[in-house]
Amino acid sequence: MTVSTNETDPTKINRAIQQLEQGRLNVTGTCTLAAGATSTVVKAGNCGAAGQVLLTARTANAAAALATSYVSSVKNGSFTISHASNAQTDRIFGFACLG
């Protein structure tokens, strides 16, 4: 749900607050590490430069890549994961960008 800064309908505002209380945040997504590269830029519209990005492996190959993968840069709208170069195309991660 999106609530405009000009919203005046209390029902919409209350519904948004209830969803936040229930842990429903629109700061999550999935990404796949680029094959044959040492970094992957992930577009994340709600990510801010001061945010903390949390990664979770979603596949076995992503779990194996965790030891050599880290978030090397966070910008408004995106973040970069540095990682080992590999030909695998299924190194899939879930992420949350908080802050």
Protein backbone atom coordinates (compact mmCIF):
# COMPACT_ATOMS: atom_id res chain seq x y z
CA MET A 1 0.00 0.00 0.00
CA THR A 2 1.18 3.50 -0.78
CA VAL A 3 0.05 6.48 1.24
CA SER A 4 0.56 9.93 -0.23
CA THR A 5 1.99 12.68 1.97
CA ASN A 6 -1.22 14.56 1.16
CA GLU A 7 -3.51 11.68 2.25
CA THR A 8 -6.49 12.84 4.33
CA ASP A 9 -8.52 9.62 4.47
CA PRO A 10 -8.04 8.27 8.03
CA THR A 11 -8.99 4.74 6.93
CA LYS A 12 -6.10 4.58 4.45
CA ILE A 13 -3.68 6.03 7.01
CA ASN A 14 -4.84 3.58 9.70
CA ARG A 15 -4.55 0.62 7.31
CA ALA A 16 -0.96 1.62 6.48
CA ILE A 17 -0.10 1.84 10.19
CA GLN A 18 -1.67 -1.56 10.83
CA GLN A 19 0.38 -3.10 8.04
CA LEU A 20 3.57 -1.63 9.50
CA GLU A 21 2.67 -3.10 12.91
CA GLN A 22 2.30 -6.50 11.25
CA GLY A 23 5.79 -6.26 9.75
CA ARG A 24 4.70 -5.62 6.17
CA LEU A 25 7.43 -3.42 4.76
CA ASN A 26 8.10 -2.76 1.10
CA VAL A 27 11.88 -2.86 1.54
CA THR A 28 12.49 -6.43 0.38
CA GLY A 29 13.28 -8.16 -2.88
CA THR A 30 15.38 -10.79 -4.59
CA CYS A 31 18.50 -10.55 -6.69
CA THR A 32 20.81 -12.89 -8.59
CA LEU A 33 24.57 -12.47 -8.60
CA ALA A 34 25.88 -11.71 -12.09
CA ALA A 35 27.64 -14.68 -13.69
CA GLY A 36 31.24 -14.08 -14.73
CA ALA A 37 31.48 -10.80 -12.81
CA THR A 38 32.87 -9.67 -9.47
CA SER A 39 30.05 -7.28 -8.60
CA THR A 40 26.30 -6.98 -9.03
CA VAL A 41 24.31 -3.74 -8.82
CA VAL A 42 20.82 -4.27 -7.41
CA LYS A 43 18.10 -1.69 -8.01
CA ALA A 44 16.08 -1.19 -4.84
CA GLY A 45 13.82 1.85 -4.99
CA ASN A 46 13.31 2.12 -1.23
CA CYS A 47 17.00 1.75 -0.39
CA GLY A 48 18.69 4.84 1.05
CA ALA A 49 22.39 5.70 1.15
CA ALA A 50 22.48 5.26 4.94
CA GLY A 51 20.54 1.98 4.84
CA GLN A 52 21.66 -1.45 5.99
CA VAL A 53 21.22 -4.24 3.45
CA LEU A 54 20.63 -7.74 4.80
CA LEU A 55 21.18 -10.71 2.46
CA THR A 56 19.67 -14.18 2.75
CA ALA A 57 20.66 -17.08 0.50
CA ARG A 58 17.68 -18.51 -1.42
CA THR A 59 19.55 -21.27 -3.27
CA ALA A 60 22.36 -23.71 -2.41
CA ASN A 61 24.78 -21.89 -4.73
CA ALA A 62 23.94 -18.58 -3.05
CA ALA A 63 24.61 -20.16 0.34
CA ALA A 64 28.01 -21.33 -0.90
CA ALA A 65 28.74 -17.80 -2.18
CA LEU A 66 27.92 -16.11 1.14
CA ALA A 67 31.47 -16.47 2.45
CA THR A 68 32.85 -14.36 -0.42
CA SER A 69 29.93 -11.96 -0.98
CA TYR A 70 29.29 -8.66 0.78
CA VAL A 71 27.46 -5.38 0.26
CA SER A 72 30.23 -3.02 -0.83
CA SER A 73 28.17 0.08 -1.58
CA VAL A 74 24.73 1.45 -0.75
CA LYS A 75 23.22 4.40 -2.62
CA ASN A 76 19.79 5.94 -2.92
CA GLY A 77 17.85 3.45 -5.03
CA SER A 78 20.50 0.72 -5.31
CA PHE A 79 23.26 -1.25 -3.67
CA THR A 80 26.25 -3.22 -4.92
CA ILE A 81 27.25 -6.73 -3.92
CA SER A 82 30.93 -7.64 -4.39
CA HIS A 83 31.49 -11.35 -4.94
CA ALA A 84 33.73 -13.97 -6.52
CA SER A 85 33.43 -14.44 -10.27
CA ASN A 86 31.58 -17.62 -11.09
CA ALA A 87 29.67 -19.04 -14.07
CA GLN A 88 26.68 -20.09 -11.95
CA THR A 89 23.42 -18.35 -12.80
CA ASP A 90 21.40 -19.43 -9.77
CA ARG A 91 23.10 -17.56 -6.91
CA ILE A 92 19.82 -16.03 -5.76
CA PHE A 93 19.52 -13.90 -2.62
CA GLY A 94 16.66 -12.30 -0.78
CA PHE A 95 17.36 -8.86 0.64
CA ALA A 96 15.96 -6.25 2.98
CA CYS A 97 17.19 -2.66 2.99
CA LEU A 98 16.47 -0.99 6.31
CA GLY A 99 17.06 2.61 7.26
